[in-house]
Amino acid sequence: MTRPASRKPLASPRPDGGHLVKPERLQAVLEAIREAGDRGIPKAGLARKLGGVAMRTVDRAVQLLEEQGARFGKAREGRPAVIHFTLEKGPDWDSRITPHARMALEVALMALEGTATEVWFDQLEGLRLLADSHLSTRDRQLFRALQEHVCVRGGAADQQALDTKMLTQVLLALGHPEGPRELELTYQAASANPRSARTSARTVVPFTLTHDVFSGGAFLLAWDPAKQEPRHFRLARIVEAKALPKRGLIPDKQPLEQARDLQIGGWFSPTAPFRTQVRVGGTNWPQALLDAPPALPGVAVRKEKGGTVLLSFMATDLQGPSRFILQLGADAEALEPKPLRAHLATTLKAMTARYR
């Protein structure tokens, strides 16, 4: 006995009762309720939206949508009372983007645009266009109104546009399905005059991309086989990149994982991690740190008697903690470790000399 040919899955929306309500009508009912917003839409309004169909067709469409995961608000209004439908949750197959999700995407884009690199911003721009195409008309109007009231500040402006060809090669080497490939780089050293900056060629094994707000930049963290150590390369200073066919070998991932997890401002060291402890006082800093602890490795903020807080976090290099602590000014005192205190004392002494 031959088996009947398997049926191909039907396109969404799933017409589980397709013999009663066509998929396009399910979509039309969903969109009509969505567009109605908080005011809702009565059954008669839905029938008109569908071209004057019978009320039982609307009932079947609503029932099918609920069976497919939709959830509707059903408020009774007027005399005699008439049910007004509002959309609380779309069905399982619904691909629309809520204005809340669209706004979250916009805030992320604005934040990334202000943190000294266009790399993530450019990649997410396509997602922004996709999200726009999946907003309903009403939600798009709401989003545009909300957009006027979003402001992101405190980042940095990067005038260096990233080379798309270079970035593509980095991603190809990093994301190879059989493991990272060796990556040939031409890298430009930091210099006050970029035109005269020294460039060097090297072959590395990419490990991960990191983005650090404190330094305002995106970095490639990689293993340098020649120096047998992890290295951070600011993406904006990679002049050229070429993914090689040879698989990259990393003898020990622990130093790279430590560099990824404990870097601050792009600074890290292969030495043993240390816990930084800082006492912070003043009028505003203690509460600000309690409300929004900084995104530092292993951060903890503890309230102390007298209105101060004890801020602690992990690091491997003195430069990273120093950069963060100095922004707190005279309201902060580094307690541990002692080498950090000495480093800050030397830095502050040199700073004081500039103002004599």
Protein backbone atom coordinates (compact mmCIF):
# COMPACT_ATOMS: atom_id res chain seq x y z
CA MET A 1 0.00 0.00 0.00
CA THR A 2 1.45 3.31 -1.01
CA ARG A 3 1.47 6.18 1.43
CA PRO A 4 -0.32 9.38 0.40
CA ALA A 5 1.99 12.19 -0.64
CA SER A 6 2.87 14.46 2.27
CA ARG A 7 1.21 17.85 2.19
CA LYS A 8 3.40 20.93 1.96
CA PRO A 9 3.15 23.27 4.92
CA LEU A 10 0.93 26.25 4.24
CA ALA A 11 2.31 29.75 4.44
CA SER A 12 1.61 31.89 7.48
CA PRO A 13 -0.77 32.96 8.74
CA ARG A 14 -1.61 29.36 9.53
CA PRO A 15 -5.11 28.69 8.19
CA ASP A 16 -5.88 26.01 10.80
CA GLY A 17 -9.49 26.52 9.83
CA GLY A 18 -8.68 27.72 6.35
CA HIS A 19 -11.83 26.16 4.96
CA LEU A 20 -13.75 28.68 7.07
CA VAL A 21 -11.56 31.80 6.99
CA LYS A 22 -8.95 32.53 4.35
CA PRO A 23 -5.41 33.40 5.56
CA GLU A 24 -5.59 36.86 4.01
CA ARG A 25 -8.74 37.56 6.01
CA LEU A 26 -7.01 36.50 9.22
CA GLN A 27 -4.24 38.95 8.39
CA ALA A 28 -6.76 41.68 7.60
CA VAL A 29 -8.58 41.19 10.93
CA LEU A 30 -5.28 41.26 12.83
CA GLU A 31 -4.15 44.45 11.09
CA ALA A 32 -7.50 46.16 11.61
CA ILE A 33 -7.41 45.47 15.35
CA ARG A 34 -3.78 46.51 15.54
CA GLU A 35 -4.44 49.79 13.71
CA ALA A 36 -7.35 50.57 16.01
CA GLY A 37 -4.91 50.86 18.92
CA ASP A 38 -6.20 51.55 22.42
CA ARG A 39 -9.59 52.75 21.24
CA GLY A 40 -10.37 49.30 19.85
CA ILE A 41 -12.68 48.32 17.01
CA PRO A 42 -16.15 46.70 17.22
CA LYS A 43 -17.18 43.59 15.36
CA ALA A 44 -19.20 45.64 12.88
CA GLY A 45 -16.08 47.69 12.11
CA LEU A 46 -14.12 44.52 11.44
CA ALA A 47 -16.85 43.27 9.13
CA ARG A 48 -16.66 46.53 7.14
CA LYS A 49 -12.84 46.27 6.96
CA LEU A 50 -13.30 42.83 5.38
CA GLY A 51 -15.64 44.19 2.73
CA GLY A 52 -18.95 43.61 4.43
CA VAL A 53 -18.61 39.95 5.41
CA ALA A 54 -21.03 38.23 7.76
CA MET A 55 -20.56 38.64 11.52
CA ARG A 56 -19.99 34.89 11.91
CA THR A 57 -16.95 35.20 9.63
CA VAL A 58 -15.48 37.80 12.01
CA ASP A 59 -16.22 35.52 14.99
CA ARG A 60 -14.44 32.61 13.30
CA ALA A 61 -11.44 34.78 12.41
CA VAL A 62 -11.07 36.04 15.99
CA GLN A 63 -11.42 32.50 17.34
CA LEU A 64 -8.79 31.15 14.93
CA LEU A 65 -6.38 33.96 15.79
CA GLU A 66 -6.79 33.18 19.49
CA GLU A 67 -6.13 29.50 18.81
CA GLN A 68 -2.93 30.59 17.06
CA GLY A 69 -1.64 32.50 20.09
CA ALA A 70 -3.27 35.92 19.74
CA ARG A 71 -4.69 37.63 22.80
CA PHE A 72 -7.34 40.34 22.49
CA GLY A 73 -8.76 42.85 24.93
CA LYS A 74 -12.57 42.87 24.78
CA ALA A 75 -13.96 46.00 26.42
CA ARG A 76 -17.69 46.63 26.44
CA GLU A 77 -18.65 50.18 25.61
CA GLY A 78 -21.85 52.14 25.02
CA ARG A 79 -25.52 51.34 25.46
CA PRO A 80 -26.32 48.78 24.39
CA ALA A 81 -22.84 47.48 25.18
CA VAL A 82 -20.69 46.70 22.16
CA ILE A 83 -17.43 44.75 22.37
CA HIS A 84 -14.36 46.68 21.17
CA PHE A 85 -11.35 44.51 20.31
CA THR A 86 -7.80 45.61 21.11
CA LEU A 87 -4.61 43.67 20.40
CA GLU A 88 -2.61 42.59 23.44
CA LYS A 89 -0.48 39.93 21.73
CA GLY A 90 -0.12 38.82 18.14
CA PRO A 91 -0.48 35.19 17.01
CA ASP A 92 2.52 32.90 16.96
CA TRP A 93 3.21 33.62 13.30
CA ASP A 94 2.98 37.40 13.62
CA SER A 95 6.14 39.10 12.29
CA ARG A 96 5.26 42.69 13.15
CA ILE A 97 7.70 44.75 15.18
CA THR A 98 6.25 46.53 18.20
CA PRO A 99 7.07 50.22 18.63
CA HIS A 100 8.76 49.31 21.91
CA ALA A 101 11.15 46.92 20.15
CA ARG A 102 11.70 49.46 17.38
CA MET A 103 12.48 52.14 19.94
CA ALA A 104 14.92 49.82 21.73
CA LEU A 105 16.67 49.26 18.40
CA GLU A 106 16.83 53.01 17.78
CA VAL A 107 18.30 53.70 21.24
CA ALA A 108 20.92 51.01 20.63
CA LEU A 109 21.79 52.53 17.27
CA MET A 110 22.05 56.02 18.74
CA ALA A 111 24.25 54.76 21.56
CA LEU A 112 26.54 52.91 19.16
CA GLU A 113 26.69 55.92 16.87
CA GLY A 114 28.04 57.91 19.80
CA THR A 115 30.70 55.48 20.99
CA ALA A 116 33.41 56.22 18.48
CA THR A 117 32.80 53.57 15.88
CA GLU A 118 30.38 53.04 13.03
CA VAL A 119 31.01 49.31 12.78
CA TRP A 120 27.98 48.09 14.73
CA PHE A 121 25.85 51.01 13.61
CA ASP A 122 26.37 50.19 9.94
CA GLN A 123 25.59 46.52 10.48
CA LEU A 124 22.37 47.31 12.35
CA GLU A 125 21.20 49.86 9.80
CA GLY A 126 19.85 47.02 7.65
CA LEU A 127 17.93 45.71 10.66
CA ARG A 128 16.47 49.17 11.16
CA LEU A 129 15.12 49.16 7.59
CA LEU A 130 13.71 45.66 8.10
CA ALA A 131 12.02 46.75 11.31
CA ASP A 132 10.51 49.76 9.56
CA SER A 133 8.98 47.53 6.91
CA HIS A 134 7.32 45.42 9.62
CA LEU A 135 5.75 48.28 11.58
CA SER A 136 2.06 48.88 11.20
CA THR A 137 1.02 52.36 10.07
CA ARG A 138 -0.18 53.32 13.54
CA ASP A 139 2.95 51.95 15.24
CA ARG A 140 5.16 53.79 12.76
CA GLN A 141 3.43 57.06 13.64
CA LEU A 142 3.83 56.34 17.34
CA PHE A 143 7.48 55.50 16.87
CA ARG A 144 8.19 58.72 15.00
CA ALA A 145 6.65 60.67 17.87
CA LEU A 146 8.71 58.75 20.44
CA GLN A 147 11.90 59.16 18.41
CA GLU A 148 11.81 62.92 18.99
CA HIS A 149 12.13 62.31 22.73
CA VAL A 150 15.18 60.04 22.76
CA CYS A 151 18.59 61.53 23.49
CA VAL A 152 21.89 59.66 23.95
CA ARG A 153 24.94 61.55 25.15
CA GLY A 154 28.33 60.89 26.68
CA GLY A 155 29.95 58.93 23.90
CA ALA A 156 32.62 59.98 21.46
CA ALA A 157 32.67 61.05 17.84
CA ASP A 158 34.75 58.96 15.46
CA GLN A 159 35.68 60.61 12.21
CA GLN A 160 37.27 57.43 10.84
CA ALA A 161 34.88 55.38 8.73
CA LEU A 162 35.61 51.67 8.77
CA ASP A 163 36.56 49.94 5.56
CA THR A 164 33.77 47.49 4.71
CA LYS A 165 36.15 45.23 2.77
CA MET A 166 38.49 45.04 5.76
CA LEU A 167 35.64 44.27 8.15
CA THR A 168 34.31 41.56 5.85
CA GLN A 169 37.67 39.78 5.88
CA VAL A 170 37.86 40.01 9.68
CA LEU A 171 34.40 38.50 10.02
CA LEU A 172 35.16 35.75 7.48
CA ALA A 173 38.25 34.70 9.43
CA LEU A 174 36.53 34.96 12.79
CA GLY A 175 33.30 33.21 11.86
CA HIS A 176 34.56 30.33 9.74
CA PRO A 177 32.29 27.31 10.45
CA GLU A 178 35.30 25.01 10.94
CA GLY A 179 37.06 27.35 13.36
CA PRO A 180 38.83 30.71 13.01
CA ARG A 181 41.26 31.18 10.15
CA GLU A 182 44.54 33.04 10.25
CA LEU A 183 44.17 36.71 9.46
CA GLU A 184 46.80 38.82 7.75
CA LEU A 185 46.70 42.42 8.98
CA THR A 186 48.29 45.70 8.04
CA TYR A 187 48.03 47.77 11.20
CA GLN A 188 48.65 51.45 11.82
CA ALA A 189 50.23 52.42 15.13
CA ALA A 190 48.74 55.21 17.23
CA SER A 191 50.17 58.59 16.32
CA ALA A 192 49.41 62.28 16.75
CA ASN A 193 49.79 62.54 12.97
CA PRO A 194 48.04 59.58 11.29
CA ARG A 195 49.63 60.41 7.92
CA SER A 196 53.08 59.68 9.29
CA ALA A 197 52.05 56.80 11.54
CA ARG A 198 54.08 53.61 11.23
CA THR A 199 52.34 50.56 9.75
CA SER A 200 53.29 46.94 10.26
CA ALA A 201 52.17 43.59 8.83
CA ARG A 202 51.40 40.62 11.01
CA THR A 203 49.46 37.37 10.94
CA VAL A 204 47.12 36.70 13.86
CA VAL A 205 44.36 34.31 14.91
CA PRO A 206 41.15 36.27 15.63
CA PHE A 207 39.37 35.43 18.89
CA THR A 208 36.56 37.93 19.42
CA LEU A 209 35.36 41.45 18.70
CA THR A 210 35.00 43.70 21.72
CA HIS A 211 33.40 47.10 22.12
CA ASP A 212 34.48 49.32 24.98
CA VAL A 213 32.54 52.48 25.81
CA PHE A 214 35.25 53.84 28.14
CA SER A 215 37.70 54.04 25.26
CA GLY A 216 35.02 54.67 22.68
CA GLY A 217 36.08 52.00 20.24
CA ALA A 218 35.70 48.57 18.73
CA PHE A 219 38.62 46.15 18.91
CA LEU A 220 39.70 42.83 17.49
CA LEU A 221 41.11 40.62 20.22
CA ALA A 222 43.48 38.09 18.63
CA TRP A 223 46.31 35.69 19.36
CA ASP A 224 49.68 36.82 18.02
CA PRO A 225 51.68 33.64 17.22
CA ALA A 226 54.92 35.60 16.71
CA LYS A 227 54.79 37.17 20.18
CA GLN A 228 52.86 34.32 21.80
CA GLU A 229 50.41 36.68 23.51
CA PRO A 230 46.95 38.21 23.13
CA ARG A 231 46.77 41.52 21.26
CA HIS A 232 44.07 44.15 20.93
CA PHE A 233 43.75 45.86 17.53
CA ARG A 234 41.50 48.90 17.22
CA LEU A 235 39.36 48.22 14.15
CA ALA A 236 39.68 51.81 12.93
CA ARG A 237 43.46 51.36 12.64
CA ILE A 238 43.40 48.13 10.63
CA VAL A 239 44.40 49.36 7.18
CA GLU A 240 43.98 46.04 5.36
CA ALA A 241 42.91 42.52 6.30
CA LYS A 242 42.94 39.22 4.47
CA ALA A 243 41.44 35.96 5.69
CA LEU A 244 43.83 33.09 4.96
CA PRO A 245 42.81 29.48 4.24
CA LYS A 246 44.99 28.11 7.06
CA ARG A 247 43.20 27.28 10.29
CA GLY A 248 44.38 29.37 13.21
CA LEU A 249 45.85 27.62 16.24
CA ILE A 250 45.53 29.03 19.75
CA PRO A 251 47.64 26.99 22.20
CA ASP A 252 45.82 28.27 25.30
CA LYS A 253 42.57 30.24 25.27
CA GLN A 254 42.76 31.23 28.93
CA PRO A 255 44.86 34.41 28.35
CA LEU A 256 42.46 35.48 25.61
CA GLU A 257 39.41 34.81 27.76
CA GLN A 258 41.00 36.82 30.58
CA ALA A 259 41.75 39.69 28.21
CA ARG A 260 38.19 39.63 26.88
CA ASP A 261 36.55 39.51 30.29
CA LEU A 262 38.81 41.88 32.25
CA GLN A 263 39.86 44.56 29.75
CA ILE A 264 38.89 48.14 30.63
CA GLY A 265 39.19 50.86 28.02
CA GLY A 266 41.07 48.45 25.77
CA TRP A 267 43.80 47.90 28.39
CA PHE A 268 44.65 44.44 29.65
CA SER A 269 47.69 42.54 30.81
CA PRO A 270 48.62 38.83 30.92
CA THR A 271 49.48 39.25 34.62
CA ALA A 272 47.26 37.93 37.40
CA PRO A 273 43.99 39.85 37.87
CA PHE A 274 43.60 42.12 40.88
CA ARG A 275 40.56 43.57 42.63
CA THR A 276 40.36 47.33 42.67
CA GLN A 277 38.66 49.02 45.63
CA VAL A 278 37.64 52.67 45.50
CA ARG A 279 35.87 54.73 48.17
CA VAL A 280 33.60 57.31 46.56
CA GLY A 281 31.95 60.24 48.33
CA GLY A 282 30.53 63.59 47.32
CA THR A 283 27.00 64.79 46.77
CA ASN A 284 25.99 62.87 43.66
CA TRP A 285 28.45 60.07 42.89
CA PRO A 286 27.47 57.56 45.63
CA GLN A 287 23.80 57.46 44.68
CA ALA A 288 24.62 57.50 40.97
CA LEU A 289 26.86 54.44 41.40
CA LEU A 290 24.21 52.64 43.45
CA ASP A 291 21.51 53.42 40.88
CA ALA A 292 23.61 52.45 37.86
CA PRO A 293 26.81 50.50 38.65
CA PRO A 294 29.36 50.96 35.83
CA ALA A 295 29.82 48.04 33.44
CA LEU A 296 33.20 47.06 34.85
CA PRO A 297 34.40 43.45 35.28
CA GLY A 298 33.06 41.87 38.48
CA VAL A 299 31.67 45.20 39.68
CA ALA A 300 30.13 45.59 43.13
CA VAL A 301 28.89 48.74 44.90
CA ARG A 302 28.33 48.70 48.66
CA LYS A 303 26.86 51.53 50.73
CA GLU A 304 28.96 52.63 53.70
CA LYS A 305 28.29 54.68 56.80
CA GLY A 306 28.76 58.40 56.35
CA GLY A 307 27.29 58.53 52.85
CA THR A 308 30.18 56.98 50.91
CA VAL A 309 30.13 53.84 48.79
CA LEU A 310 32.80 51.20 48.24
CA LEU A 311 33.20 50.44 44.55
CA SER A 312 35.12 47.31 43.62
CA PHE A 313 35.91 45.63 40.31
CA MET A 314 38.49 43.40 38.64
CA ALA A 315 41.30 44.48 36.30
CA THR A 316 44.67 43.31 34.98
CA ASP A 317 46.27 46.61 33.93
CA LEU A 318 46.66 49.81 35.95
CA GLN A 319 45.73 52.09 33.04
CA GLY A 320 42.12 50.91 32.81
CA PRO A 321 41.14 51.52 36.47
CA SER A 322 43.09 54.80 36.49
CA ARG A 323 41.14 56.15 33.53
CA PHE A 324 37.85 55.34 35.22
CA ILE A 325 38.79 56.58 38.70
CA LEU A 326 40.15 59.92 37.50
CA GLN A 327 36.77 60.92 36.10
CA LEU A 328 35.42 60.87 39.68
CA GLY A 329 37.85 63.64 40.64
CA ALA A 330 38.50 64.46 44.30
CA ASP A 331 35.44 62.43 45.37
CA ALA A 332 37.29 59.14 44.84
CA GLU A 333 40.13 57.45 46.70
CA ALA A 334 41.67 54.24 45.43
CA LEU A 335 42.27 51.91 48.39
CA GLU A 336 43.60 48.77 46.72
CA PRO A 337 45.88 47.59 45.27
CA LYS A 338 48.87 49.61 46.45
CA PRO A 339 50.51 49.76 42.98
CA LEU A 340 47.36 51.46 41.70
CA ARG A 341 47.55 54.07 44.47
CA ALA A 342 51.17 54.76 43.57
CA HIS A 343 50.32 54.98 39.86
CA LEU A 344 47.52 57.48 40.53
CA ALA A 345 49.76 59.53 42.83
CA THR A 346 52.38 59.81 40.09
CA THR A 347 49.75 60.72 37.50
CA LEU A 348 48.15 63.36 39.70
CA LYS A 349 51.54 64.87 40.56
CA ALA A 350 52.30 65.27 36.85
CA MET A 351 48.84 66.77 36.30
CA THR A 352 49.32 69.25 39.15
CA ALA A 353 52.61 70.41 37.66
CA ARG A 354 50.76 71.51 34.52
CA TYR A 355 48.61 73.95 36.50
CA ARG A 356 51.32 75.71 38.48
